């Protein structure tokens, strides 16, 4: 051997390997966090606000007037059959949100059925065929009467 005593200094590794190791470790940890967040149980929908005793007449009257307006617009031809049902459904959901704090605008029919508000779920379910059937099954008078009943009797 040339030039020496036979001892060689330690081999220096490139700093790139440290960066690659840290990135791989971060990806593995990120994957576990992603999987844990993706598979956790979702909380069930709950009422955000306690029922309001003595609901103000102005909110109830405002929604009854809006329901009457949908009926009037349909009877005068400026609103189609399914559009009227969609608007009535939106009004009923909006009233539930304002009156009780229920996030009904964002809930599916199954979500509404799982709440203690069976009358709200039944009204929304009754409006579905007219809104989604594409035909004219049912009548607007029945739909508006059902919406008016819910808004009038909601406590």
N, C-alpha and C. Protein backbone atom coordinates (compact mmCIF):
# COMPACT_ATOMS: atom_id res chain seq x y z
N UNK A 1 0.83 -1.16 0.00
CA UNK A 1 0.00 0.00 0.00
C UNK A 1 0.88 1.23 0.00
N UNK A 2 0.39 2.17 -0.65
CA UNK A 2 1.18 3.38 -0.75
C UNK A 2 0.84 4.36 0.32
N UNK A 3 1.78 5.00 0.77
CA UNK A 3 1.69 6.17 1.60
C UNK A 3 1.02 6.01 2.92
N UNK A 4 1.18 5.02 3.58
CA UNK A 4 0.56 5.18 4.84
C UNK A 4 0.58 4.01 5.74
N UNK A 5 -0.15 4.25 6.78
CA UNK A 5 -0.18 3.30 7.87
C UNK A 5 -1.33 2.31 7.73
N UNK A 6 -2.18 2.49 6.73
CA UNK A 6 -3.28 1.58 6.53
C UNK A 6 -4.59 2.07 7.12
N UNK A 7 -4.58 3.23 7.75
CA UNK A 7 -5.82 3.79 8.29
C UNK A 7 -6.38 4.81 7.32
N UNK A 8 -7.67 4.74 7.13
CA UNK A 8 -8.33 5.67 6.23
C UNK A 8 -9.37 6.45 7.03
N UNK A 9 -9.56 7.74 6.71
CA UNK A 9 -10.55 8.52 7.44
C UNK A 9 -11.96 8.03 7.11
N UNK A 10 -12.95 8.30 8.02
CA UNK A 10 -14.32 7.85 7.76
C UNK A 10 -14.88 8.50 6.49
N UNK A 11 -15.74 7.76 5.83
CA UNK A 11 -16.36 8.26 4.60
C UNK A 11 -17.45 9.27 4.99
N UNK A 12 -17.46 10.40 4.37
CA UNK A 12 -18.47 11.42 4.62
C UNK A 12 -19.65 11.19 3.67
N UNK A 13 -20.85 11.12 4.25
CA UNK A 13 -22.04 10.96 3.44
C UNK A 13 -22.51 12.33 3.00
N UNK A 14 -23.17 12.36 1.87
CA UNK A 14 -23.70 13.61 1.35
C UNK A 14 -24.88 14.07 2.21
N UNK A 15 -25.06 15.39 2.43
CA UNK A 15 -26.21 15.88 3.20
C UNK A 15 -27.55 15.62 2.50
N UNK A 16 -27.52 15.26 1.25
CA UNK A 16 -28.75 14.96 0.52
C UNK A 16 -29.46 13.77 1.16
N UNK A 17 -28.69 12.80 1.67
CA UNK A 17 -29.29 11.62 2.29
C UNK A 17 -30.05 11.98 3.56
N UNK A 18 -29.58 12.95 4.30
CA UNK A 18 -30.31 13.41 5.49
C UNK A 18 -31.65 14.02 5.08
N UNK A 19 -31.64 14.84 4.06
CA UNK A 19 -32.87 15.47 3.57
C UNK A 19 -33.85 14.41 3.06
N UNK A 20 -33.34 13.43 2.31
CA UNK A 20 -34.21 12.36 1.80
C UNK A 20 -34.82 11.57 2.96
N UNK A 21 -34.04 11.28 3.99
CA UNK A 21 -34.56 10.55 5.15
C UNK A 21 -35.64 11.32 5.88
N UNK A 22 -35.44 12.63 6.06
CA UNK A 22 -36.44 13.46 6.75
C UNK A 22 -37.71 13.54 5.92
N UNK A 23 -37.59 13.68 4.61
CA UNK A 23 -38.78 13.75 3.74
C UNK A 23 -39.57 12.45 3.80
N UNK A 24 -38.87 11.31 3.74
CA UNK A 24 -39.56 10.02 3.83
C UNK A 24 -40.27 9.88 5.17
N UNK A 25 -39.62 10.28 6.24
CA UNK A 25 -40.24 10.22 7.56
C UNK A 25 -41.47 11.12 7.64
N UNK A 26 -41.38 12.31 7.06
CA UNK A 26 -42.52 13.23 7.06
C UNK A 26 -43.68 12.67 6.25
N UNK A 27 -43.39 12.01 5.14
CA UNK A 27 -44.45 11.42 4.32
C UNK A 27 -45.15 10.29 5.08
N UNK A 28 -44.39 9.46 5.78
CA UNK A 28 -44.98 8.37 6.55
C UNK A 28 -45.86 8.91 7.67
N UNK A 29 -45.37 9.90 8.42
CA UNK A 29 -46.17 10.50 9.49
C UNK A 29 -47.41 11.18 8.91
N UNK A 30 -47.25 11.89 7.80
CA UNK A 30 -48.40 12.54 7.15
C UNK A 30 -49.44 11.54 6.70
N UNK A 31 -49.00 10.40 6.20
CA UNK A 31 -49.93 9.35 5.77
C UNK A 31 -50.76 8.85 6.95
N UNK A 32 -50.13 8.60 8.10
CA UNK A 32 -50.86 8.13 9.27
C UNK A 32 -51.87 9.18 9.75
N UNK A 33 -51.46 10.44 9.76
CA UNK A 33 -52.38 11.50 10.17
C UNK A 33 -53.56 11.56 9.19
N UNK A 34 -53.29 11.49 7.90
CA UNK A 34 -54.35 11.53 6.89
C UNK A 34 -55.32 10.37 7.07
N UNK A 35 -54.82 9.17 7.27
CA UNK A 35 -55.69 8.00 7.43
C UNK A 35 -56.51 8.12 8.71
N UNK A 36 -55.91 8.57 9.79
CA UNK A 36 -56.65 8.72 11.04
C UNK A 36 -57.75 9.76 10.92
N UNK A 37 -57.48 10.87 10.26
CA UNK A 37 -58.50 11.90 10.10
C UNK A 37 -59.60 11.45 9.15
N UNK A 38 -59.23 10.69 8.14
CA UNK A 38 -60.21 10.25 7.16
C UNK A 38 -61.15 9.19 7.70
N UNK A 39 -60.69 8.38 8.63
CA UNK A 39 -61.51 7.27 9.11
C UNK A 39 -62.14 7.50 10.48
N UNK A 40 -62.04 8.70 11.01
CA UNK A 40 -62.65 8.94 12.33
C UNK A 40 -64.16 9.07 12.18
N UNK A 41 -64.86 8.84 13.26
CA UNK A 41 -66.33 8.92 13.24
C UNK A 41 -66.76 10.37 13.14
N UNK A 42 -67.77 10.58 12.33
CA UNK A 42 -68.32 11.92 12.17
C UNK A 42 -69.37 12.14 13.26
N UNK A 43 -69.39 13.31 13.84
CA UNK A 43 -70.43 13.56 14.85
C UNK A 43 -71.80 13.63 14.20
N UNK A 44 -72.79 13.17 14.91
CA UNK A 44 -74.15 13.22 14.37
C UNK A 44 -74.65 14.65 14.44
N UNK A 45 -75.52 15.03 13.50
CA UNK A 45 -76.03 16.40 13.52
C UNK A 45 -76.86 16.65 14.78
N UNK A 46 -76.66 17.79 15.36
CA UNK A 46 -77.37 18.15 16.58
C UNK A 46 -77.96 19.53 16.41
N UNK A 47 -78.93 19.82 17.24
CA UNK A 47 -79.48 21.16 17.26
C UNK A 47 -78.44 22.09 17.86
N UNK A 48 -78.22 23.22 17.21
CA UNK A 48 -77.22 24.16 17.69
C UNK A 48 -77.79 25.10 18.75
N UNK A 49 -79.08 25.29 18.70
CA UNK A 49 -79.71 26.24 19.61
C UNK A 49 -80.91 25.55 20.26
N UNK A 50 -81.13 25.83 21.50
CA UNK A 50 -82.31 25.28 22.18
C UNK A 50 -83.56 25.87 21.54
N UNK A 51 -84.66 25.16 21.62
CA UNK A 51 -85.90 25.70 21.06
C UNK A 51 -86.22 27.07 21.65
N UNK A 52 -86.70 27.92 20.79
CA UNK A 52 -87.02 29.28 21.21
C UNK A 52 -88.45 29.32 21.70
N UNK A 53 -88.65 29.56 23.00
CA UNK A 53 -90.03 29.66 23.47
C UNK A 53 -90.66 30.96 22.98
N UNK A 54 -91.89 30.88 22.56
CA UNK A 54 -92.58 32.07 22.09
C UNK A 54 -91.92 32.67 20.87
N UNK A 55 -91.80 31.88 19.82
CA UNK A 55 -91.18 32.34 18.59
C UNK A 55 -91.84 33.62 18.13
N UNK A 56 -91.03 34.57 17.70
CA UNK A 56 -91.59 35.86 17.32
C UNK A 56 -92.52 35.69 16.13
N UNK A 57 -93.58 36.44 16.17
CA UNK A 57 -94.58 36.36 15.12
C UNK A 57 -94.02 36.86 13.80
N UNK A 58 -93.07 37.77 13.84
CA UNK A 58 -92.56 38.34 12.60
C UNK A 58 -91.83 37.31 11.75
N UNK A 59 -91.08 36.39 12.36
CA UNK A 59 -90.39 35.35 11.59
C UNK A 59 -91.41 34.42 10.97
N UNK A 60 -92.37 34.00 11.76
CA UNK A 60 -93.42 33.10 11.26
C UNK A 60 -94.19 33.77 10.13
N UNK A 61 -94.59 35.01 10.34
CA UNK A 61 -95.35 35.73 9.31
C UNK A 61 -94.53 35.95 8.04
N UNK A 62 -93.25 36.22 8.20
CA UNK A 62 -92.39 36.43 7.03
C UNK A 62 -92.35 35.17 6.17
N UNK A 63 -92.21 34.02 6.81
CA UNK A 63 -92.16 32.78 6.03
C UNK A 63 -93.52 32.40 5.46
N UNK A 64 -94.58 32.68 6.18
CA UNK A 64 -95.91 32.43 5.61
C UNK A 64 -96.14 33.31 4.39
N UNK A 65 -95.69 34.56 4.45
CA UNK A 65 -95.82 35.45 3.29
C UNK A 65 -94.99 34.95 2.11
N UNK A 66 -93.79 34.43 2.39
CA UNK A 66 -92.96 33.90 1.31
C UNK A 66 -93.59 32.66 0.67
N UNK A 67 -94.22 31.82 1.49
CA UNK A 67 -94.91 30.64 0.96
C UNK A 67 -96.08 31.09 0.09
N UNK A 68 -96.83 32.08 0.55
CA UNK A 68 -97.94 32.61 -0.25
C UNK A 68 -97.43 33.21 -1.57
N UNK A 69 -96.26 33.83 -1.53
CA UNK A 69 -95.69 34.41 -2.74
C UNK A 69 -95.33 33.32 -3.75
N UNK A 70 -94.79 32.21 -3.28
CA UNK A 70 -94.48 31.09 -4.19
C UNK A 70 -95.76 30.58 -4.83
N UNK A 71 -96.81 30.43 -4.04
CA UNK A 71 -98.09 29.97 -4.57
C UNK A 71 -98.63 30.95 -5.61
N UNK A 72 -98.54 32.23 -5.33
CA UNK A 72 -99.03 33.26 -6.24
C UNK A 72 -98.23 33.25 -7.54
N UNK A 73 -96.90 33.15 -7.44
CA UNK A 73 -96.05 33.14 -8.64
C UNK A 73 -96.32 31.91 -9.50
N UNK A 74 -96.59 30.77 -8.85
CA UNK A 74 -96.92 29.57 -9.62
C UNK A 74 -98.27 29.73 -10.32
N UNK A 75 -99.25 30.25 -9.62
CA UNK A 75 -100.58 30.39 -10.21
C UNK A 75 -100.60 31.41 -11.34
N UNK A 76 -99.66 32.35 -11.36
CA UNK A 76 -99.60 33.34 -12.43
C UNK A 76 -98.59 32.97 -13.52
N UNK A 77 -98.03 31.77 -13.42
CA UNK A 77 -97.20 31.26 -14.50
C UNK A 77 -95.75 31.70 -14.50
N UNK A 78 -95.31 32.42 -13.50
CA UNK A 78 -93.91 32.87 -13.51
C UNK A 78 -92.98 31.90 -12.80
N UNK A 79 -93.52 30.77 -12.34
CA UNK A 79 -92.72 29.78 -11.63
C UNK A 79 -93.20 28.39 -12.04
N UNK A 80 -92.26 27.52 -12.38
CA UNK A 80 -92.60 26.17 -12.80
C UNK A 80 -92.95 25.28 -11.61
N UNK A 81 -93.49 24.11 -11.94
CA UNK A 81 -93.96 23.18 -10.91
C UNK A 81 -92.82 22.72 -10.00
N UNK A 82 -91.75 22.20 -10.59
CA UNK A 82 -90.65 21.70 -9.74
C UNK A 82 -89.91 22.84 -9.06
N UNK A 83 -89.81 24.00 -9.73
CA UNK A 83 -89.16 25.16 -9.09
C UNK A 83 -89.94 25.62 -7.87
N UNK A 84 -91.25 25.55 -7.95
CA UNK A 84 -92.08 25.93 -6.80
C UNK A 84 -91.84 24.98 -5.63
N UNK A 85 -91.73 23.69 -5.93
CA UNK A 85 -91.45 22.73 -4.87
C UNK A 85 -90.06 22.95 -4.28
N UNK A 86 -89.09 23.26 -5.13
CA UNK A 86 -87.74 23.55 -4.63
C UNK A 86 -87.75 24.76 -3.70
N UNK A 87 -88.46 25.80 -4.11
CA UNK A 87 -88.52 27.00 -3.28
C UNK A 87 -89.24 26.74 -1.96
N UNK A 88 -90.32 25.96 -2.02
CA UNK A 88 -91.02 25.63 -0.78
C UNK A 88 -90.12 24.83 0.16
N UNK A 89 -89.36 23.91 -0.38
CA UNK A 89 -88.44 23.13 0.43
C UNK A 89 -87.38 24.03 1.05
N UNK A 90 -86.85 24.95 0.27
CA UNK A 90 -85.84 25.89 0.79
C UNK A 90 -86.44 26.78 1.87
N UNK A 91 -87.69 27.20 1.69
CA UNK A 91 -88.34 28.05 2.69
C UNK A 91 -88.56 27.29 4.00
N UNK A 92 -89.02 26.05 3.90
CA UNK A 92 -89.25 25.26 5.11
C UNK A 92 -87.94 25.02 5.84
N UNK A 93 -86.89 24.70 5.09
CA UNK A 93 -85.58 24.49 5.71
C UNK A 93 -85.05 25.78 6.33
N UNK A 94 -85.24 26.89 5.63
CA UNK A 94 -84.80 28.18 6.16
C UNK A 94 -85.55 28.56 7.43
N UNK A 95 -86.84 28.26 7.44
CA UNK A 95 -87.62 28.55 8.65
C UNK A 95 -87.13 27.72 9.82
N UNK A 96 -86.82 26.45 9.58
CA UNK A 96 -86.29 25.60 10.65
C UNK A 96 -84.97 26.14 11.17
N UNK A 97 -84.17 26.68 10.28
CA UNK A 97 -82.89 27.25 10.70
C UNK A 97 -83.08 28.50 11.54
N UNK A 98 -83.99 29.35 11.13
CA UNK A 98 -84.21 30.59 11.89
C UNK A 98 -84.98 30.36 13.18
N UNK A 99 -85.93 29.46 13.14
CA UNK A 99 -86.78 29.26 14.32
C UNK A 99 -86.09 28.45 15.40
N UNK A 100 -85.32 27.43 15.01
CA UNK A 100 -84.74 26.53 16.01
C UNK A 100 -83.23 26.40 15.92
N UNK A 101 -82.61 26.99 14.91
CA UNK A 101 -81.18 26.85 14.76
C UNK A 101 -80.76 25.53 14.17
N UNK A 102 -81.68 24.81 13.56
CA UNK A 102 -81.38 23.53 12.92
C UNK A 102 -80.76 23.84 11.56
N UNK A 103 -79.65 23.23 11.27
CA UNK A 103 -78.97 23.48 9.99
C UNK A 103 -79.61 22.63 8.89
N UNK A 104 -80.89 22.80 8.71
CA UNK A 104 -81.65 21.96 7.79
C UNK A 104 -81.27 22.20 6.33
N UNK A 105 -80.72 23.36 6.02
CA UNK A 105 -80.34 23.65 4.64
C UNK A 105 -79.22 22.72 4.18
N UNK A 106 -78.44 22.22 5.11
CA UNK A 106 -77.27 21.41 4.78
C UNK A 106 -77.49 19.92 5.05
N UNK A 107 -78.69 19.54 5.44
CA UNK A 107 -78.96 18.15 5.81
C UNK A 107 -79.70 17.43 4.69
N UNK A 108 -79.35 16.16 4.53
CA UNK A 108 -80.10 15.32 3.60
C UNK A 108 -81.39 14.88 4.28
N UNK A 109 -82.23 14.22 3.51
CA UNK A 109 -83.48 13.73 4.08
C UNK A 109 -83.20 12.70 5.18
N UNK A 110 -82.21 11.84 4.98
CA UNK A 110 -81.85 10.86 6.02
C UNK A 110 -81.36 11.55 7.28
N UNK A 111 -80.58 12.63 7.12
CA UNK A 111 -80.13 13.39 8.29
C UNK A 111 -81.31 13.98 9.03
N UNK A 112 -82.27 14.52 8.28
CA UNK A 112 -83.46 15.10 8.92
C UNK A 112 -84.28 14.04 9.64
N UNK A 113 -84.35 12.85 9.07
CA UNK A 113 -85.11 11.78 9.72
C UNK A 113 -84.46 11.36 11.04
N UNK A 114 -83.14 11.52 11.15
CA UNK A 114 -82.45 11.11 12.38
C UNK A 114 -82.55 12.16 13.48
N UNK A 115 -83.13 13.31 13.19
CA UNK A 115 -83.32 14.33 14.22
C UNK A 115 -84.67 14.09 14.90
N UNK A 116 -84.91 14.74 16.02
CA UNK A 116 -86.22 14.58 16.67
C UNK A 116 -87.34 15.39 16.01
N UNK A 117 -87.09 15.95 14.85
CA UNK A 117 -88.07 16.80 14.18
C UNK A 117 -88.73 16.03 13.04
N UNK A 118 -89.57 15.10 13.40
CA UNK A 118 -90.22 14.23 12.41
C UNK A 118 -91.15 15.00 11.49
N UNK A 119 -91.80 16.04 12.01
CA UNK A 119 -92.71 16.82 11.17
C UNK A 119 -91.95 17.57 10.08
N UNK A 120 -90.76 18.05 10.38
CA UNK A 120 -89.94 18.72 9.37
C UNK A 120 -89.51 17.72 8.30
N UNK A 121 -89.05 16.56 8.72
CA UNK A 121 -88.62 15.53 7.77
C UNK A 121 -89.78 15.08 6.88
N UNK A 122 -90.96 14.94 7.47
CA UNK A 122 -92.13 14.50 6.70
C UNK A 122 -92.53 15.55 5.66
N UNK A 123 -92.43 16.82 6.03
CA UNK A 123 -92.78 17.88 5.09
C UNK A 123 -91.79 17.93 3.94
N UNK A 124 -90.51 17.84 4.24
CA UNK A 124 -89.49 17.84 3.19
C UNK A 124 -89.67 16.62 2.28
N UNK A 125 -89.96 15.47 2.88
CA UNK A 125 -90.17 14.25 2.10
C UNK A 125 -91.38 14.40 1.18
N UNK A 126 -92.43 15.06 1.65
CA UNK A 126 -93.62 15.25 0.82
C UNK A 126 -93.34 16.19 -0.35
N UNK A 127 -92.37 17.07 -0.22
CA UNK A 127 -92.04 18.00 -1.30
C UNK A 127 -91.10 17.39 -2.34
N UNK A 128 -90.42 16.31 -2.00
CA UNK A 128 -89.45 15.70 -2.91
C UNK A 128 -90.03 15.25 -4.25
N UNK A 129 -91.17 14.53 -4.29
CA UNK A 129 -91.66 14.07 -5.60
C UNK A 129 -91.92 15.22 -6.57
N UNK A 130 -92.51 16.29 -6.09
CA UNK A 130 -92.77 17.42 -6.98
C UNK A 130 -91.50 18.13 -7.42
N UNK A 131 -90.49 18.10 -6.57
CA UNK A 131 -89.25 18.80 -6.90
C UNK A 131 -88.37 17.99 -7.85
N UNK A 132 -88.39 16.66 -7.71
CA UNK A 132 -87.42 15.85 -8.44
C UNK A 132 -88.02 14.90 -9.47
N UNK A 133 -89.34 14.83 -9.58
CA UNK A 133 -89.92 13.85 -10.50
C UNK A 133 -89.85 14.31 -11.95
N UNK A 134 -89.76 15.61 -12.18
CA UNK A 134 -89.72 16.10 -13.55
C UNK A 134 -91.10 16.24 -14.16
N UNK A 135 -92.10 15.75 -13.50
CA UNK A 135 -93.46 15.85 -14.00
C UNK A 135 -94.27 16.79 -13.12
N UNK A 136 -95.55 16.61 -13.18
CA UNK A 136 -96.43 17.45 -12.36
C UNK A 136 -97.30 16.57 -11.47
N UNK A 137 -96.67 15.60 -10.80
CA UNK A 137 -97.43 14.76 -9.89
C UNK A 137 -97.69 15.53 -8.60
N UNK A 138 -98.89 15.49 -8.14
CA UNK A 138 -99.26 16.23 -6.94
C UNK A 138 -99.76 17.62 -7.32
N UNK A 139 -99.98 18.43 -6.30
CA UNK A 139 -100.45 19.77 -6.60
C UNK A 139 -99.70 20.78 -5.73
N UNK A 140 -99.60 21.96 -6.24
CA UNK A 140 -98.95 23.04 -5.50
C UNK A 140 -99.79 23.40 -4.28
N UNK A 141 -101.10 23.31 -4.42
CA UNK A 141 -101.96 23.64 -3.28
C UNK A 141 -101.67 22.73 -2.08
N UNK A 142 -101.49 21.44 -2.35
CA UNK A 142 -101.16 20.51 -1.26
C UNK A 142 -99.80 20.83 -0.67
N UNK A 143 -98.84 21.13 -1.54
CA UNK A 143 -97.48 21.43 -1.07
C UNK A 143 -97.46 22.71 -0.24
N UNK A 144 -98.12 23.75 -0.71
CA UNK A 144 -98.13 25.00 0.06
C UNK A 144 -98.91 24.84 1.36
N UNK A 145 -99.98 24.05 1.33
CA UNK A 145 -100.74 23.81 2.56
C UNK A 145 -99.88 23.09 3.59
N UNK A 146 -99.11 22.13 3.12
CA UNK A 146 -98.24 21.38 4.04
C UNK A 146 -97.16 22.30 4.61
N UNK A 147 -96.57 23.14 3.76
CA UNK A 147 -95.54 24.07 4.22
C UNK A 147 -96.13 25.08 5.20
N UNK A 148 -97.32 25.60 4.88
CA UNK A 148 -97.98 26.55 5.79
C UNK A 148 -98.28 25.90 7.14
N UNK A 149 -98.72 24.65 7.12
CA UNK A 149 -99.04 23.95 8.37
C UNK A 149 -97.81 23.80 9.21
N UNK A 150 -96.69 23.43 8.61
CA UNK A 150 -95.46 23.28 9.38
C UNK A 150 -95.04 24.61 10.00
N UNK A 151 -95.04 25.66 9.19
CA UNK A 151 -94.60 26.97 9.70
C UNK A 151 -95.57 27.48 10.76
N UNK A 152 -96.84 27.26 10.56
CA UNK A 152 -97.84 27.76 11.52
C UNK A 152 -97.80 27.03 12.85
N UNK A 153 -97.55 25.72 12.80
CA UNK A 153 -97.63 24.94 14.03
C UNK A 153 -96.27 24.70 14.69
N UNK A 154 -95.20 25.15 14.08
CA UNK A 154 -93.87 24.95 14.65
C UNK A 154 -93.79 25.68 15.97
N UNK A 155 -93.30 24.99 16.97
CA UNK A 155 -93.26 25.59 18.30
C UNK A 155 -91.87 25.64 18.84
